[in-house]
Amino acid sequence: MSDRPTRAAGSFDAWVAVRSPALLRFAYLLTGGQSEAEDAVQSALERALARWSRIARAGDPEAYVRRMIVHEHISAWRRWRRRVSVVGEVRVTASGDPAEEVARADVVRRLCAALPPVQRAAVVLRFYEDLDYREIAALLGCAEATARSHVHRALTALRGELGKEDDDE
């Protein structure tokens, strides 16, 4: 009997111990919520364990697992088919207070959370992960032009909503 599965599981455990904080941060930005992020990471890691020897041999296990997290998030969203928009609740007043920058960042975070999941994923991958459109397309499983379109539409929506917020002040 070979100890190969044990060795693969051991390398998986070590990899998860080192990379899980970064994966959780990525998933949090992607999903917009701590519990959703934890669920997406947990599901992706469960599936990754079963394929770990193949994933590790591929050369970039983190990119593979991140793609699994993106797919898990999109699948979860499709299962629920329900989004709650918080855009109507967000109000920022012009006060000249140093807290205004914090409030503005909170507005942007809430607006990002209201984006469709694929657009939010594209924006996170582009601006948080600093990936180019080719890499985003590979992670999202779409054409490069579609990845550009997702980012463009998300930014247009964010600019429009931020403009509305400024007009309300």
C-alpha atoms as a PDB file:
ATOM      1  CA  MET A   1       0.000   0.000   0.000  1.00  0.00           C
ATOM      2  CA  SER A   2       1.355   3.415  -0.956  1.00  0.00           C
ATOM      3  CA  ASP A   3       1.472   6.438   1.306  1.00  0.00           C
ATOM      4  CA  ARG A   4       0.910   8.743  -1.664  1.00  0.00           C
ATOM      5  CA  PRO A   5      -2.598  10.006  -0.656  1.00  0.00           C
ATOM      6  CA  THR A   6      -1.252  10.775   2.828  1.00  0.00           C
ATOM      7  CA  ARG A   7       1.652  12.735   1.352  1.00  0.00           C
ATOM      8  CA  ALA A   8      -0.721  14.638  -0.971  1.00  0.00           C
ATOM      9  CA  ALA A   9      -3.078  15.409   1.910  1.00  0.00           C
ATOM     10  CA  GLY A  10      -0.115  16.590   4.007  1.00  0.00           C
ATOM     11  CA  SER A  11       1.040  18.990   1.302  1.00  0.00           C
ATOM     12  CA  PHE A  12      -2.545  20.198   0.940  1.00  0.00           C
ATOM     13  CA  ASP A  13      -2.810  20.875   4.679  1.00  0.00           C
ATOM     14  CA  ALA A  14       0.456  22.814   4.647  1.00  0.00           C
ATOM     15  CA  TRP A  15      -0.600  24.810   1.587  1.00  0.00           C
ATOM     16  CA  VAL A  16      -3.989  25.656   3.120  1.00  0.00           C
ATOM     17  CA  ALA A  17      -2.362  26.722   6.396  1.00  0.00           C
ATOM     18  CA  VAL A  18      -0.189  29.224   4.527  1.00  0.00           C
ATOM     19  CA  ARG A  19      -2.629  30.448   1.850  1.00  0.00           C
ATOM     20  CA  SER A  20      -6.040  30.411   3.576  1.00  0.00           C
ATOM     21  CA  PRO A  21      -5.846  34.010   4.916  1.00  0.00           C
ATOM     22  CA  ALA A  22      -5.216  35.345   1.401  1.00  0.00           C
ATOM     23  CA  LEU A  23      -7.958  33.129  -0.035  1.00  0.00           C
ATOM     24  CA  LEU A  24     -10.406  34.389   2.599  1.00  0.00           C
ATOM     25  CA  ARG A  25      -9.535  38.036   1.861  1.00  0.00           C
ATOM     26  CA  PHE A  26     -10.015  37.394  -1.852  1.00  0.00           C
ATOM     27  CA  ALA A  27     -13.342  35.639  -1.256  1.00  0.00           C
ATOM     28  CA  TYR A  28     -14.529  38.419   1.082  1.00  0.00           C
ATOM     29  CA  LEU A  29     -13.920  41.039  -1.582  1.00  0.00           C
ATOM     30  CA  LEU A  30     -15.594  38.814  -4.129  1.00  0.00           C
ATOM     31  CA  THR A  31     -18.699  37.970  -2.103  1.00  0.00           C
ATOM     32  CA  GLY A  32     -19.051  41.060   0.059  1.00  0.00           C
ATOM     33  CA  GLY A  33     -19.698  39.084   3.227  1.00  0.00           C
ATOM     34  CA  GLN A  34     -17.659  37.123   5.761  1.00  0.00           C
ATOM     35  CA  SER A  35     -19.913  34.068   5.952  1.00  0.00           C
ATOM     36  CA  GLU A  36     -20.338  33.912   2.168  1.00  0.00           C
ATOM     37  CA  ALA A  37     -16.556  34.157   1.780  1.00  0.00           C
ATOM     38  CA  GLU A  38     -15.981  31.372   4.295  1.00  0.00           C
ATOM     39  CA  ASP A  39     -18.564  29.179   2.541  1.00  0.00           C
ATOM     40  CA  ALA A  40     -17.017  29.773  -0.894  1.00  0.00           C
ATOM     41  CA  VAL A  41     -13.497  29.028   0.352  1.00  0.00           C
ATOM     42  CA  GLN A  42     -14.625  25.952   2.254  1.00  0.00           C
ATOM     43  CA  SER A  43     -16.470  24.533  -0.763  1.00  0.00           C
ATOM     44  CA  ALA A  44     -13.546  25.243  -3.081  1.00  0.00           C
ATOM     45  CA  LEU A  45     -11.049  23.649  -0.693  1.00  0.00           C
ATOM     46  CA  GLU A  46     -13.236  20.563  -0.268  1.00  0.00           C
ATOM     47  CA  ARG A  47     -13.273  20.071  -4.020  1.00  0.00           C
ATOM     48  CA  ALA A  48      -9.559  20.894  -4.301  1.00  0.00           C
ATOM     49  CA  LEU A  49      -8.572  18.246  -1.732  1.00  0.00           C
ATOM     50  CA  ALA A  50     -10.041  15.510  -3.914  1.00  0.00           C
ATOM     51  CA  ARG A  51      -7.900  16.683  -6.854  1.00  0.00           C
ATOM     52  CA  TRP A  52      -4.896  18.019  -4.956  1.00  0.00           C
ATOM     53  CA  SER A  53      -2.181  15.891  -6.549  1.00  0.00           C
ATOM     54  CA  ARG A  54      -3.284  17.015 -10.023  1.00  0.00           C
ATOM     55  CA  ILE A  55      -3.746  20.653  -8.950  1.00  0.00           C
ATOM     56  CA  ALA A  56      -0.307  20.774  -7.295  1.00  0.00           C
ATOM     57  CA  ARG A  57       1.354  19.316 -10.412  1.00  0.00           C
ATOM     58  CA  ALA A  58      -0.288  21.983 -12.611  1.00  0.00           C
ATOM     59  CA  GLY A  59       2.158  24.558 -11.272  1.00  0.00           C
ATOM     60  CA  ASP A  60      -0.064  27.317  -9.837  1.00  0.00           C
ATOM     61  CA  PRO A  61      -2.451  25.842  -7.282  1.00  0.00           C
ATOM     62  CA  GLU A  62      -3.487  29.239  -5.933  1.00  0.00           C
ATOM     63  CA  ALA A  63      -4.792  30.432  -9.301  1.00  0.00           C
ATOM     64  CA  TYR A  64      -6.685  27.161  -9.691  1.00  0.00           C
ATOM     65  CA  VAL A  65      -8.264  27.421  -6.223  1.00  0.00           C
ATOM     66  CA  ARG A  66      -9.121  31.102  -6.738  1.00  0.00           C
ATOM     67  CA  ARG A  67     -10.933  30.141  -9.919  1.00  0.00           C
ATOM     68  CA  MET A  68     -12.795  27.494  -7.948  1.00  0.00           C
ATOM     69  CA  ILE A  69     -13.790  30.178  -5.409  1.00  0.00           C
ATOM     70  CA  VAL A  70     -15.067  32.456  -8.192  1.00  0.00           C
ATOM     71  CA  HIS A  71     -17.087  29.608  -9.687  1.00  0.00           C
ATOM     72  CA  GLU A  72     -18.449  28.628  -6.282  1.00  0.00           C
ATOM     73  CA  HIS A  73     -19.585  32.188  -5.629  1.00  0.00           C
ATOM     74  CA  ILE A  74     -21.285  32.470  -9.004  1.00  0.00           C
ATOM     75  CA  SER A  75     -22.942  29.072  -8.536  1.00  0.00           C
ATOM     76  CA  ALA A  76     -24.209  30.044  -5.093  1.00  0.00           C
ATOM     77  CA  TRP A  77     -25.628  33.255  -6.479  1.00  0.00           C
ATOM     78  CA  ARG A  78     -27.353  31.386  -9.300  1.00  0.00           C
ATOM     79  CA  ARG A  79     -28.849  28.948  -6.799  1.00  0.00           C
ATOM     80  CA  TRP A  80     -30.396  31.707  -4.771  1.00  0.00           C
ATOM     81  CA  ARG A  81     -31.337  33.962  -7.728  1.00  0.00           C
ATOM     82  CA  ARG A  82     -31.911  36.751  -5.285  1.00  0.00           C
ATOM     83  CA  ARG A  83     -30.019  39.955  -4.687  1.00  0.00           C
ATOM     84  CA  VAL A  84     -30.791  42.689  -2.212  1.00  0.00           C
ATOM     85  CA  SER A  85     -29.671  46.126  -3.290  1.00  0.00           C
ATOM     86  CA  VAL A  86     -28.411  48.371  -0.524  1.00  0.00           C
ATOM     87  CA  VAL A  87     -27.903  51.328  -2.846  1.00  0.00           C
ATOM     88  CA  GLY A  88     -31.077  53.069  -1.673  1.00  0.00           C
ATOM     89  CA  GLU A  89     -29.897  52.970   1.959  1.00  0.00           C
ATOM     90  CA  VAL A  90     -26.499  54.603   1.421  1.00  0.00           C
ATOM     91  CA  ARG A  91     -26.255  58.312   2.181  1.00  0.00           C
ATOM     92  CA  VAL A  92     -23.118  60.374   2.726  1.00  0.00           C
ATOM     93  CA  THR A  93     -23.237  63.977   3.862  1.00  0.00           C
ATOM     94  CA  ALA A  94     -20.644  66.594   2.973  1.00  0.00           C
ATOM     95  CA  SER A  95     -19.310  67.564   6.364  1.00  0.00           C
ATOM     96  CA  GLY A  96     -15.604  68.203   5.822  1.00  0.00           C
ATOM     97  CA  ASP A  97     -15.112  65.697   8.623  1.00  0.00           C
ATOM     98  CA  PRO A  98     -12.121  63.314   8.370  1.00  0.00           C
ATOM     99  CA  ALA A  99     -14.638  60.493   8.709  1.00  0.00           C
ATOM    100  CA  GLU A 100     -15.973  61.461   5.283  1.00  0.00           C
ATOM    101  CA  GLU A 101     -13.257  59.430   3.569  1.00  0.00           C
ATOM    102  CA  VAL A 102     -14.196  56.386   5.630  1.00  0.00           C
ATOM    103  CA  ALA A 103     -17.868  56.920   4.823  1.00  0.00           C
ATOM    104  CA  ARG A 104     -17.050  57.281   1.121  1.00  0.00           C
ATOM    105  CA  ALA A 105     -15.092  54.009   1.201  1.00  0.00           C
ATOM    106  CA  ASP A 106     -18.082  52.356   2.860  1.00  0.00           C
ATOM    107  CA  VAL A 107     -20.345  53.694   0.110  1.00  0.00           C
ATOM    108  CA  VAL A 108     -18.049  52.236  -2.544  1.00  0.00           C
ATOM    109  CA  ARG A 109     -17.959  48.881  -0.724  1.00  0.00           C
ATOM    110  CA  ARG A 110     -21.755  48.779  -0.511  1.00  0.00           C
ATOM    111  CA  LEU A 111     -22.115  49.759  -4.150  1.00  0.00           C
ATOM    112  CA  CYS A 112     -19.682  47.024  -5.129  1.00  0.00           C
ATOM    113  CA  ALA A 113     -21.714  44.545  -3.091  1.00  0.00           C
ATOM    114  CA  ALA A 114     -24.794  45.539  -5.115  1.00  0.00           C
ATOM    115  CA  LEU A 115     -23.114  44.718  -8.443  1.00  0.00           C
ATOM    116  CA  PRO A 116     -24.007  41.459 -10.194  1.00  0.00           C
ATOM    117  CA  PRO A 117     -21.629  38.706  -9.014  1.00  0.00           C
ATOM    118  CA  VAL A 118     -19.761  38.347 -12.309  1.00  0.00           C
ATOM    119  CA  GLN A 119     -19.153  42.106 -12.546  1.00  0.00           C
ATOM    120  CA  ARG A 120     -18.044  42.251  -8.921  1.00  0.00           C
ATOM    121  CA  ALA A 121     -15.695  39.319  -9.527  1.00  0.00           C
ATOM    122  CA  ALA A 122     -14.235  41.056 -12.588  1.00  0.00           C
ATOM    123  CA  VAL A 123     -13.663  44.307 -10.659  1.00  0.00           C
ATOM    124  CA  VAL A 124     -12.045  42.479  -7.718  1.00  0.00           C
ATOM    125  CA  LEU A 125      -9.790  40.530 -10.051  1.00  0.00           C
ATOM    126  CA  ARG A 126      -8.835  43.671 -11.993  1.00  0.00           C
ATOM    127  CA  PHE A 127      -8.273  46.165  -9.195  1.00  0.00           C
ATOM    128  CA  TYR A 128      -7.609  44.096  -6.059  1.00  0.00           C
ATOM    129  CA  GLU A 129      -5.706  41.222  -7.636  1.00  0.00           C
ATOM    130  CA  ASP A 130      -4.245  43.487 -10.372  1.00  0.00           C
ATOM    131  CA  LEU A 131      -4.822  40.885 -13.069  1.00  0.00           C
ATOM    132  CA  ASP A 132      -4.910  41.732 -16.746  1.00  0.00           C
ATOM    133  CA  TYR A 133      -8.003  41.033 -18.835  1.00  0.00           C
ATOM    134  CA  ARG A 134      -6.578  37.818 -20.284  1.00  0.00           C
ATOM    135  CA  GLU A 135      -6.102  36.407 -16.771  1.00  0.00           C
ATOM    136  CA  ILE A 136      -9.547  37.612 -15.669  1.00  0.00           C
ATOM    137  CA  ALA A 137     -11.120  35.940 -18.689  1.00  0.00           C
ATOM    138  CA  ALA A 138      -9.339  32.686 -17.868  1.00  0.00           C
ATOM    139  CA  LEU A 139     -10.540  32.778 -14.252  1.00  0.00           C
ATOM    140  CA  LEU A 140     -14.109  33.666 -15.177  1.00  0.00           C
ATOM    141  CA  GLY A 141     -14.190  31.207 -18.070  1.00  0.00           C
ATOM    142  CA  CYS A 142     -15.146  33.779 -20.689  1.00  0.00           C
ATOM    143  CA  ALA A 143     -13.628  35.647 -23.626  1.00  0.00           C
ATOM    144  CA  GLU A 144     -11.230  38.512 -22.948  1.00  0.00           C
ATOM    145  CA  ALA A 145     -13.684  40.956 -24.541  1.00  0.00           C
ATOM    146  CA  THR A 146     -16.384  39.737 -22.163  1.00  0.00           C
ATOM    147  CA  ALA A 147     -14.077  40.292 -19.174  1.00  0.00           C
ATOM    148  CA  ARG A 148     -13.438  43.850 -20.393  1.00  0.00           C
ATOM    149  CA  SER A 149     -17.175  44.335 -20.772  1.00  0.00           C
ATOM    150  CA  HIS A 150     -17.850  43.127 -17.212  1.00  0.00           C
ATOM    151  CA  VAL A 151     -15.299  45.576 -15.788  1.00  0.00           C
ATOM    152  CA  HIS A 152     -16.546  48.428 -17.978  1.00  0.00           C
ATOM    153  CA  ARG A 153     -20.202  47.867 -17.036  1.00  0.00           C
ATOM    154  CA  ALA A 154     -19.353  47.607 -13.359  1.00  0.00           C
ATOM    155  CA  LEU A 155     -17.353  50.838 -13.407  1.00  0.00           C
ATOM    156  CA  THR A 156     -20.123  52.607 -15.331  1.00  0.00           C
ATOM    157  CA  ALA A 157     -22.680  51.481 -12.746  1.00  0.00           C
ATOM    158  CA  LEU A 158     -20.430  52.528  -9.862  1.00  0.00           C
ATOM    159  CA  ARG A 159     -19.771  55.956 -11.394  1.00  0.00           C
ATOM    160  CA  GLY A 160     -23.491  56.445 -11.981  1.00  0.00           C
ATOM    161  CA  GLU A 161     -24.408  55.521  -8.413  1.00  0.00           C
ATOM    162  CA  LEU A 162     -21.596  57.613  -6.951  1.00  0.00           C
ATOM    163  CA  GLY A 163     -22.791  60.532  -9.078  1.00  0.00           C
ATOM    164  CA  LYS A 164     -26.285  60.108  -7.644  1.00  0.00           C
ATOM    165  CA  GLU A 165     -24.819  60.097  -4.146  1.00  0.00           C
ATOM    166  CA  ASP A 166     -22.984  63.363  -4.862  1.00  0.00           C
ATOM    167  CA  ASP A 167     -26.166  64.931  -6.248  1.00  0.00           C
ATOM    168  CA  ASP A 168     -28.086  63.992  -3.097  1.00  0.00           C
ATOM    169  CA  GLU A 169     -25.635  65.836  -0.840  1.00  0.00           C
END
